[in-house]
Amino acid sequence: MIAETVCSAVAAAGLGIAAVTAYRRRFLAATRIAAYALVPLGLVMTGVVEWLADTAFSPTAWAGFALLGVAWGLFTLTRAVERRRGGTRKERRAAARSARQDAVAPDASAPSLGSAAPRPAARPAARPAAAPRPDSSDDFSDIEAILKKHGI
């Protein structure tokens, strides 16, 4: 009952401020203020305010919110542990299975059909070594020249 009265008073005050703003020929701002002022009145008329007031003073509702918080905390905890371990149990099994398959020689699992055709390599050849990096003193020569130019 008190919440509905407060919301109605806020709506009336907001509409009054909107009227004063419109009188000053600031119609866009007045329309925005009127829209904000009508929100509490709409909430009262739809019954949301009554539902919120009943929920705020209900111990059962607060116990429900506490249980929702505990559930959220458990979900967060399990997700953190899952990330720390390296994925879900299904993902770990798939990784272990692929590691075991990589350990077996590639020709050992292929059936022998009597063909003498060579099989392509299972892994590409190693990359050529990267070009050696230039001396680090060359990297700073440009910077030193700029600093000397500015007298630093």
N, C-alpha and C. Protein backbone atom coordinates (compact mmCIF):
# COMPACT_ATOMS: atom_id res chain seq x y z
N MET A 1 0.82 -1.19 0.00
CA MET A 1 0.00 0.00 0.00
C MET A 1 0.87 1.26 0.00
N ILE A 2 1.90 1.26 0.83
CA ILE A 2 2.78 2.42 0.87
C ILE A 2 3.59 2.52 -0.41
N ALA A 3 4.04 1.38 -0.94
CA ALA A 3 4.84 1.39 -2.16
C ALA A 3 4.03 1.94 -3.33
N GLU A 4 2.75 1.58 -3.41
CA GLU A 4 1.92 2.09 -4.49
C GLU A 4 1.73 3.59 -4.38
N THR A 5 1.58 4.09 -3.16
CA THR A 5 1.42 5.53 -2.94
C THR A 5 2.68 6.28 -3.33
N VAL A 6 3.83 5.74 -2.94
CA VAL A 6 5.10 6.38 -3.28
C VAL A 6 5.30 6.41 -4.79
N CYS A 7 5.02 5.29 -5.45
CA CYS A 7 5.19 5.25 -6.91
C CYS A 7 4.24 6.22 -7.61
N SER A 8 3.03 6.33 -7.12
CA SER A 8 2.08 7.27 -7.71
C SER A 8 2.54 8.71 -7.50
N ALA A 9 3.09 9.01 -6.33
CA ALA A 9 3.59 10.37 -6.06
C ALA A 9 4.79 10.68 -6.94
N VAL A 10 5.67 9.72 -7.12
CA VAL A 10 6.83 9.93 -7.99
C VAL A 10 6.38 10.18 -9.42
N ALA A 11 5.38 9.44 -9.88
CA ALA A 11 4.86 9.63 -11.23
C ALA A 11 4.24 11.01 -11.39
N ALA A 12 3.47 11.45 -10.38
CA ALA A 12 2.84 12.78 -10.46
C ALA A 12 3.90 13.87 -10.46
N ALA A 13 4.93 13.74 -9.62
CA ALA A 13 5.99 14.74 -9.58
C ALA A 13 6.75 14.76 -10.90
N GLY A 14 7.01 13.60 -11.47
CA GLY A 14 7.71 13.54 -12.75
C GLY A 14 6.92 14.17 -13.87
N LEU A 15 5.62 13.95 -13.87
CA LEU A 15 4.79 14.58 -14.91
C LEU A 15 4.73 16.09 -14.72
N GLY A 16 4.77 16.54 -13.47
CA GLY A 16 4.82 17.99 -13.22
C GLY A 16 6.12 18.59 -13.74
N ILE A 17 7.23 17.92 -13.49
CA ILE A 17 8.52 18.40 -13.99
C ILE A 17 8.53 18.38 -15.52
N ALA A 18 7.92 17.37 -16.11
CA ALA A 18 7.84 17.31 -17.57
C ALA A 18 7.02 18.47 -18.12
N ALA A 19 5.95 18.83 -17.42
CA ALA A 19 5.13 19.96 -17.87
C ALA A 19 5.92 21.27 -17.82
N VAL A 20 6.67 21.47 -16.73
CA VAL A 20 7.49 22.68 -16.62
C VAL A 20 8.56 22.70 -17.71
N THR A 21 9.15 21.56 -18.00
CA THR A 21 10.18 21.48 -19.04
C THR A 21 9.57 21.76 -20.41
N ALA A 22 8.37 21.28 -20.66
CA ALA A 22 7.70 21.55 -21.93
C ALA A 22 7.34 23.03 -22.04
N TYR A 23 6.97 23.65 -20.93
CA TYR A 23 6.67 25.09 -20.93
C TYR A 23 7.89 25.90 -21.34
N ARG A 24 9.08 25.40 -21.00
CA ARG A 24 10.33 26.08 -21.37
C ARG A 24 10.76 25.74 -22.79
N ARG A 25 9.89 25.07 -23.53
CA ARG A 25 10.11 24.72 -24.93
C ARG A 25 11.26 23.73 -25.13
N ARG A 26 11.44 22.85 -24.20
CA ARG A 26 12.41 21.76 -24.34
C ARG A 26 11.60 20.47 -24.44
N PHE A 27 10.98 20.30 -25.61
CA PHE A 27 10.00 19.23 -25.78
C PHE A 27 10.62 17.83 -25.75
N LEU A 28 11.82 17.69 -26.31
CA LEU A 28 12.45 16.37 -26.31
C LEU A 28 12.77 15.92 -24.88
N ALA A 29 13.33 16.82 -24.09
CA ALA A 29 13.64 16.50 -22.70
C ALA A 29 12.35 16.26 -21.91
N ALA A 30 11.30 17.04 -22.18
CA ALA A 30 10.02 16.87 -21.48
C ALA A 30 9.41 15.51 -21.79
N THR A 31 9.51 15.09 -23.03
CA THR A 31 8.97 13.78 -23.40
C THR A 31 9.73 12.66 -22.69
N ARG A 32 11.05 12.79 -22.62
CA ARG A 32 11.86 11.79 -21.94
C ARG A 32 11.53 11.73 -20.45
N ILE A 33 11.37 12.87 -19.82
CA ILE A 33 11.02 12.92 -18.39
C ILE A 33 9.64 12.31 -18.16
N ALA A 34 8.69 12.60 -19.05
CA ALA A 34 7.35 12.02 -18.92
C ALA A 34 7.39 10.50 -19.04
N ALA A 35 8.24 10.00 -19.94
CA ALA A 35 8.36 8.55 -20.10
C ALA A 35 8.91 7.92 -18.83
N TYR A 36 9.93 8.52 -18.25
CA TYR A 36 10.48 8.00 -16.99
C TYR A 36 9.46 8.09 -15.86
N ALA A 37 8.64 9.15 -15.86
CA ALA A 37 7.65 9.33 -14.79
C ALA A 37 6.53 8.31 -14.89
N LEU A 38 6.23 7.84 -16.07
CA LEU A 38 5.13 6.89 -16.24
C LEU A 38 5.52 5.45 -15.89
N VAL A 39 6.83 5.15 -15.80
CA VAL A 39 7.28 3.78 -15.49
C VAL A 39 6.79 3.33 -14.11
N PRO A 40 6.99 4.10 -13.03
CA PRO A 40 6.50 3.61 -11.72
C PRO A 40 4.98 3.43 -11.69
N LEU A 41 4.26 4.31 -12.37
CA LEU A 41 2.80 4.18 -12.40
C LEU A 41 2.39 2.91 -13.14
N GLY A 42 3.08 2.59 -14.22
CA GLY A 42 2.80 1.36 -14.95
C GLY A 42 3.12 0.13 -14.12
N LEU A 43 4.20 0.19 -13.34
CA LEU A 43 4.54 -0.94 -12.48
C LEU A 43 3.49 -1.16 -11.40
N VAL A 44 2.93 -0.07 -10.88
CA VAL A 44 1.87 -0.19 -9.87
C VAL A 44 0.62 -0.80 -10.50
N MET A 45 0.28 -0.36 -11.68
CA MET A 45 -0.95 -0.82 -12.32
C MET A 45 -0.86 -2.29 -12.76
N THR A 46 0.33 -2.77 -13.08
CA THR A 46 0.47 -4.17 -13.49
C THR A 46 0.61 -5.12 -12.31
N GLY A 47 0.85 -4.61 -11.11
CA GLY A 47 0.97 -5.46 -9.94
C GLY A 47 2.39 -5.86 -9.62
N VAL A 48 3.34 -5.36 -10.36
CA VAL A 48 4.74 -5.71 -10.12
C VAL A 48 5.20 -5.18 -8.76
N VAL A 49 4.78 -4.00 -8.41
CA VAL A 49 5.20 -3.40 -7.14
C VAL A 49 4.67 -4.22 -5.97
N GLU A 50 3.42 -4.66 -6.05
CA GLU A 50 2.86 -5.49 -4.98
C GLU A 50 3.63 -6.80 -4.87
N TRP A 51 3.94 -7.42 -6.02
CA TRP A 51 4.70 -8.67 -6.00
C TRP A 51 6.09 -8.45 -5.39
N LEU A 52 6.75 -7.34 -5.76
CA LEU A 52 8.07 -7.05 -5.19
C LEU A 52 8.00 -6.80 -3.70
N ALA A 53 6.97 -6.08 -3.25
CA ALA A 53 6.82 -5.82 -1.82
C ALA A 53 6.57 -7.11 -1.06
N ASP A 54 5.75 -8.00 -1.62
CA ASP A 54 5.50 -9.28 -0.96
C ASP A 54 6.77 -10.12 -0.92
N THR A 55 7.56 -10.05 -1.97
CA THR A 55 8.80 -10.83 -2.03
C THR A 55 9.84 -10.28 -1.06
N ALA A 56 9.92 -8.96 -0.95
CA ALA A 56 10.94 -8.35 -0.10
C ALA A 56 10.75 -8.67 1.36
N PHE A 57 9.53 -8.89 1.79
CA PHE A 57 9.26 -9.15 3.20
C PHE A 57 8.93 -10.61 3.48
N SER A 58 9.25 -11.50 2.55
CA SER A 58 8.96 -12.91 2.73
C SER A 58 10.24 -13.68 3.04
N PRO A 59 10.31 -14.34 4.20
CA PRO A 59 11.51 -15.13 4.52
C PRO A 59 11.70 -16.30 3.56
N THR A 60 10.61 -16.86 3.08
CA THR A 60 10.71 -17.96 2.13
C THR A 60 11.37 -17.49 0.83
N ALA A 61 11.01 -16.30 0.39
CA ALA A 61 11.62 -15.76 -0.83
C ALA A 61 13.11 -15.53 -0.63
N TRP A 62 13.49 -15.01 0.52
CA TRP A 62 14.92 -14.78 0.79
C TRP A 62 15.69 -16.09 0.88
N ALA A 63 15.06 -17.12 1.44
CA ALA A 63 15.70 -18.44 1.47
C ALA A 63 15.88 -18.97 0.05
N GLY A 64 14.89 -18.72 -0.79
CA GLY A 64 15.00 -19.13 -2.20
C GLY A 64 16.13 -18.40 -2.91
N PHE A 65 16.27 -17.09 -2.65
CA PHE A 65 17.38 -16.33 -3.23
C PHE A 65 18.72 -16.87 -2.73
N ALA A 66 18.77 -17.24 -1.46
CA ALA A 66 20.01 -17.80 -0.91
C ALA A 66 20.35 -19.12 -1.60
N LEU A 67 19.36 -19.97 -1.81
CA LEU A 67 19.60 -21.24 -2.51
C LEU A 67 20.05 -21.01 -3.95
N LEU A 68 19.46 -20.02 -4.61
CA LEU A 68 19.91 -19.69 -5.96
C LEU A 68 21.36 -19.22 -5.95
N GLY A 69 21.75 -18.46 -4.94
CA GLY A 69 23.14 -18.02 -4.82
C GLY A 69 24.10 -19.18 -4.60
N VAL A 70 23.68 -20.14 -3.76
CA VAL A 70 24.52 -21.32 -3.52
C VAL A 70 24.66 -22.13 -4.81
N ALA A 71 23.57 -22.29 -5.55
CA ALA A 71 23.62 -23.04 -6.81
C ALA A 71 24.55 -22.34 -7.79
N TRP A 72 24.45 -21.03 -7.89
CA TRP A 72 25.33 -20.28 -8.79
C TRP A 72 26.79 -20.44 -8.37
N GLY A 73 27.05 -20.40 -7.07
CA GLY A 73 28.42 -20.59 -6.59
C GLY A 73 28.95 -21.97 -6.92
N LEU A 74 28.10 -23.00 -6.80
CA LEU A 74 28.54 -24.35 -7.14
C LEU A 74 28.84 -24.49 -8.63
N PHE A 75 28.00 -23.89 -9.47
CA PHE A 75 28.27 -23.91 -10.91
C PHE A 75 29.59 -23.24 -11.22
N THR A 76 29.84 -22.11 -10.58
CA THR A 76 31.09 -21.38 -10.81
C THR A 76 32.29 -22.19 -10.34
N LEU A 77 32.16 -22.82 -9.19
CA LEU A 77 33.25 -23.63 -8.66
C LEU A 77 33.57 -24.81 -9.59
N THR A 78 32.55 -25.51 -10.04
CA THR A 78 32.81 -26.64 -10.93
C THR A 78 33.41 -26.20 -12.24
N ARG A 79 33.01 -25.06 -12.75
CA ARG A 79 33.58 -24.56 -14.01
C ARG A 79 35.06 -24.20 -13.81
N ALA A 80 35.39 -23.61 -12.68
CA ALA A 80 36.80 -23.25 -12.41
C ALA A 80 37.66 -24.50 -12.29
N VAL A 81 37.15 -25.53 -11.61
CA VAL A 81 37.91 -26.77 -11.48
C VAL A 81 38.07 -27.43 -12.84
N GLU A 82 37.01 -27.38 -13.65
CA GLU A 82 37.06 -27.96 -14.99
C GLU A 82 38.10 -27.28 -15.86
N ARG A 83 38.18 -25.98 -15.78
CA ARG A 83 39.18 -25.25 -16.56
C ARG A 83 40.58 -25.56 -16.07
N ARG A 84 40.73 -25.72 -14.77
CA ARG A 84 42.05 -25.99 -14.22
C ARG A 84 42.55 -27.38 -14.63
N ARG A 85 41.64 -28.34 -14.71
CA ARG A 85 42.01 -29.70 -15.10
C ARG A 85 42.25 -29.82 -16.60
N GLY A 86 41.69 -28.94 -17.37
CA GLY A 86 41.91 -29.00 -18.80
C GLY A 86 40.71 -29.52 -19.57
N GLY A 87 39.53 -29.15 -19.20
CA GLY A 87 38.35 -29.52 -19.95
C GLY A 87 37.47 -30.52 -19.22
N THR A 88 36.41 -30.93 -19.91
CA THR A 88 35.48 -31.87 -19.34
C THR A 88 36.06 -33.27 -19.39
N ARG A 89 35.42 -34.19 -18.71
CA ARG A 89 35.88 -35.58 -18.69
C ARG A 89 35.88 -36.15 -20.10
N LYS A 90 34.87 -35.82 -20.89
CA LYS A 90 34.78 -36.30 -22.27
C LYS A 90 35.96 -35.79 -23.09
N GLU A 91 36.30 -34.52 -22.92
CA GLU A 91 37.44 -33.95 -23.66
C GLU A 91 38.76 -34.60 -23.22
N ARG A 92 38.91 -34.88 -21.93
CA ARG A 92 40.15 -35.52 -21.46
C ARG A 92 40.27 -36.94 -22.00
N ARG A 93 39.15 -37.68 -22.06
CA ARG A 93 39.18 -39.03 -22.62
C ARG A 93 39.57 -38.98 -24.09
N ALA A 94 39.00 -38.05 -24.84
CA ALA A 94 39.33 -37.95 -26.27
C ALA A 94 40.80 -37.60 -26.46
N ALA A 95 41.34 -36.73 -25.61
CA ALA A 95 42.76 -36.38 -25.71
C ALA A 95 43.64 -37.57 -25.37
N ALA A 96 43.27 -38.35 -24.36
CA ALA A 96 44.05 -39.54 -24.00
C ALA A 96 43.99 -40.58 -25.11
N ARG A 97 42.83 -40.73 -25.72
CA ARG A 97 42.67 -41.69 -26.80
C ARG A 97 43.54 -41.30 -28.00
N SER A 98 43.55 -40.01 -28.34
CA SER A 98 44.36 -39.57 -29.48
C SER A 98 45.85 -39.68 -29.15
N ALA A 99 46.22 -39.50 -27.90
CA ALA A 99 47.63 -39.64 -27.52
C ALA A 99 48.07 -41.10 -27.65
N ARG A 100 47.19 -42.04 -27.30
CA ARG A 100 47.53 -43.46 -27.45
C ARG A 100 47.64 -43.83 -28.92
N GLN A 101 46.80 -43.27 -29.77
CA GLN A 101 46.87 -43.57 -31.19
C GLN A 101 48.13 -43.00 -31.82
N ASP A 102 48.58 -41.85 -31.35
CA ASP A 102 49.80 -41.25 -31.87
C ASP A 102 51.02 -42.06 -31.46
N ALA A 103 50.93 -42.76 -30.34
CA ALA A 103 52.07 -43.53 -29.86
C ALA A 103 52.30 -44.78 -30.70
N VAL A 104 51.25 -45.31 -31.34
CA VAL A 104 51.36 -46.50 -32.19
C VAL A 104 51.94 -46.08 -33.53
N ALA A 105 52.78 -46.93 -34.11
CA ALA A 105 53.36 -46.64 -35.42
C ALA A 105 52.25 -46.53 -36.46
N PRO A 106 52.36 -45.63 -37.42
CA PRO A 106 51.28 -45.45 -38.39
C PRO A 106 51.03 -46.68 -39.25
N ASP A 107 52.07 -47.48 -39.57
CA ASP A 107 51.87 -48.64 -40.41
C ASP A 107 51.34 -49.84 -39.63
N ALA A 108 51.42 -49.80 -38.32
CA ALA A 108 51.02 -50.95 -37.52
C ALA A 108 49.52 -51.18 -37.56
N SER A 109 48.72 -50.14 -37.70
CA SER A 109 47.28 -50.31 -37.68
C SER A 109 46.69 -50.48 -39.06
N ALA A 110 47.46 -50.25 -40.13
CA ALA A 110 46.94 -50.38 -41.48
C ALA A 110 46.95 -51.84 -41.90
N PRO A 111 45.89 -52.30 -42.58
CA PRO A 111 45.87 -53.69 -43.03
C PRO A 111 46.86 -53.90 -44.18
N SER A 112 47.40 -55.07 -44.25
CA SER A 112 48.36 -55.39 -45.29
C SER A 112 47.62 -55.91 -46.51
N LEU A 113 47.63 -55.15 -47.60
CA LEU A 113 46.95 -55.54 -48.82
C LEU A 113 47.93 -55.98 -49.88
N GLY A 114 49.17 -56.05 -49.56
CA GLY A 114 50.17 -56.50 -50.50
C GLY A 114 50.62 -55.42 -51.46
N SER A 115 50.18 -54.21 -51.30
CA SER A 115 50.63 -53.15 -52.19
C SER A 115 51.96 -52.62 -51.69
N ALA A 116 52.83 -52.37 -52.62
CA ALA A 116 54.16 -51.88 -52.26
C ALA A 116 54.26 -50.38 -52.39
N ALA A 117 53.12 -49.74 -52.57
CA ALA A 117 53.15 -48.28 -52.74
C ALA A 117 53.54 -47.62 -51.42
N PRO A 118 54.45 -46.70 -51.48
CA PRO A 118 54.86 -46.03 -50.23
C PRO A 118 53.74 -45.14 -49.71
N ARG A 119 53.61 -45.12 -48.43
CA ARG A 119 52.60 -44.27 -47.79
C ARG A 119 53.15 -42.88 -47.57
N PRO A 120 52.32 -41.87 -47.69
CA PRO A 120 52.81 -40.51 -47.41
C PRO A 120 53.15 -40.37 -45.93
N ALA A 121 54.04 -39.48 -45.67
CA ALA A 121 54.48 -39.25 -44.29
C ALA A 121 53.30 -38.76 -43.46
N ALA A 122 53.22 -39.24 -42.21
CA ALA A 122 52.11 -38.85 -41.34
C ALA A 122 52.25 -37.41 -40.87
N ARG A 123 53.47 -36.96 -40.71
CA ARG A 123 53.69 -35.59 -40.25
C ARG A 123 54.55 -34.86 -41.26
N PRO A 124 54.30 -33.58 -41.43
CA PRO A 124 55.12 -32.82 -42.38
C PRO A 124 56.54 -32.68 -41.84
N ALA A 125 57.44 -32.43 -42.77
CA ALA A 125 58.84 -32.26 -42.38
C ALA A 125 58.98 -31.03 -41.50
N ALA A 126 60.02 -31.04 -40.71
CA ALA A 126 60.25 -29.92 -39.79
C ALA A 126 60.51 -28.65 -40.59
N ARG A 127 60.13 -27.54 -40.03
CA ARG A 127 60.35 -26.25 -40.70
C ARG A 127 61.83 -25.92 -40.71
N PRO A 128 62.26 -25.23 -41.72
CA PRO A 128 63.65 -24.79 -41.72
C PRO A 128 63.87 -23.79 -40.59
N ALA A 129 65.06 -23.74 -40.12
CA ALA A 129 65.39 -22.84 -39.02
C ALA A 129 65.16 -21.40 -39.45
N ALA A 130 64.70 -20.60 -38.52
CA ALA A 130 64.44 -19.20 -38.82
C ALA A 130 65.76 -18.48 -39.07
N ALA A 131 65.67 -17.43 -39.85
CA ALA A 131 66.86 -16.64 -40.16
C ALA A 131 67.39 -16.04 -38.87
N PRO A 132 68.71 -15.95 -38.75
CA PRO A 132 69.26 -15.36 -37.51
C PRO A 132 68.85 -13.91 -37.39
N ARG A 133 68.59 -13.51 -36.15
CA ARG A 133 68.16 -12.13 -35.88
C ARG A 133 69.36 -11.20 -35.98
N PRO A 134 69.12 -10.01 -36.48
CA PRO A 134 70.23 -9.05 -36.55
C PRO A 134 70.66 -8.65 -35.14
N ASP A 135 71.85 -8.12 -35.06
CA ASP A 135 72.41 -7.70 -33.78
C ASP A 135 71.50 -6.66 -33.15
N SER A 136 71.29 -6.77 -31.84
CA SER A 136 70.36 -5.88 -31.15
C SER A 136 70.85 -4.43 -31.15
N SER A 137 72.14 -4.22 -31.34
CA SER A 137 72.63 -2.84 -31.37
C SER A 137 72.12 -2.12 -32.61
N ASP A 138 71.85 -2.85 -33.70
CA ASP A 138 71.29 -2.22 -34.89
C ASP A 138 69.86 -1.76 -34.65
N ASP A 139 69.15 -2.47 -33.80
CA ASP A 139 67.77 -2.12 -33.53
C ASP A 139 67.65 -0.76 -32.85
N PHE A 140 68.62 -0.41 -32.02
CA PHE A 140 68.55 0.82 -31.25
C PHE A 140 69.27 1.99 -31.92
N SER A 141 69.91 1.75 -33.05
CA SER A 141 70.66 2.84 -33.69
C SER A 141 69.73 3.95 -34.15
N ASP A 142 68.57 3.60 -34.67
CA ASP A 142 67.61 4.62 -35.10
C ASP A 142 67.11 5.43 -33.91
N ILE A 143 66.86 4.76 -32.81
CA ILE A 143 66.37 5.45 -31.63
C ILE A 143 67.44 6.38 -31.08
N GLU A 144 68.68 5.91 -31.06
CA GLU A 144 69.77 6.76 -30.58
C GLU A 144 69.92 8.00 -31.46
N ALA A 145 69.77 7.84 -32.77
CA ALA A 145 69.88 8.99 -33.68
C ALA A 145 68.79 10.01 -33.41
N ILE A 146 67.58 9.55 -33.16
CA ILE A 146 66.47 10.46 -32.88
C ILE A 146 66.72 11.19 -31.56
N LEU A 147 67.17 10.48 -30.56
CA LEU A 147 67.44 11.11 -29.27
C LEU A 147 68.54 12.14 -29.37
N LYS A 148 69.61 11.83 -30.14
CA LYS A 148 70.70 12.80 -30.31
C LYS A 148 70.23 14.03 -31.06
N LYS A 149 69.32 13.82 -32.02
CA LYS A 149 68.80 14.94 -32.81
C LYS A 149 68.05 15.92 -31.91
N HIS A 150 67.37 15.41 -30.92
CA HIS A 150 66.60 16.27 -30.01
C HIS A 150 67.40 16.69 -28.78
N GLY A 151 68.66 16.32 -28.73
CA GLY A 151 69.52 16.75 -27.65
C GLY A 151 69.28 16.02 -26.34
N ILE A 152 68.84 14.83 -26.41
CA ILE A 152 68.58 14.04 -25.19
C ILE A 152 69.68 13.02 -25.02
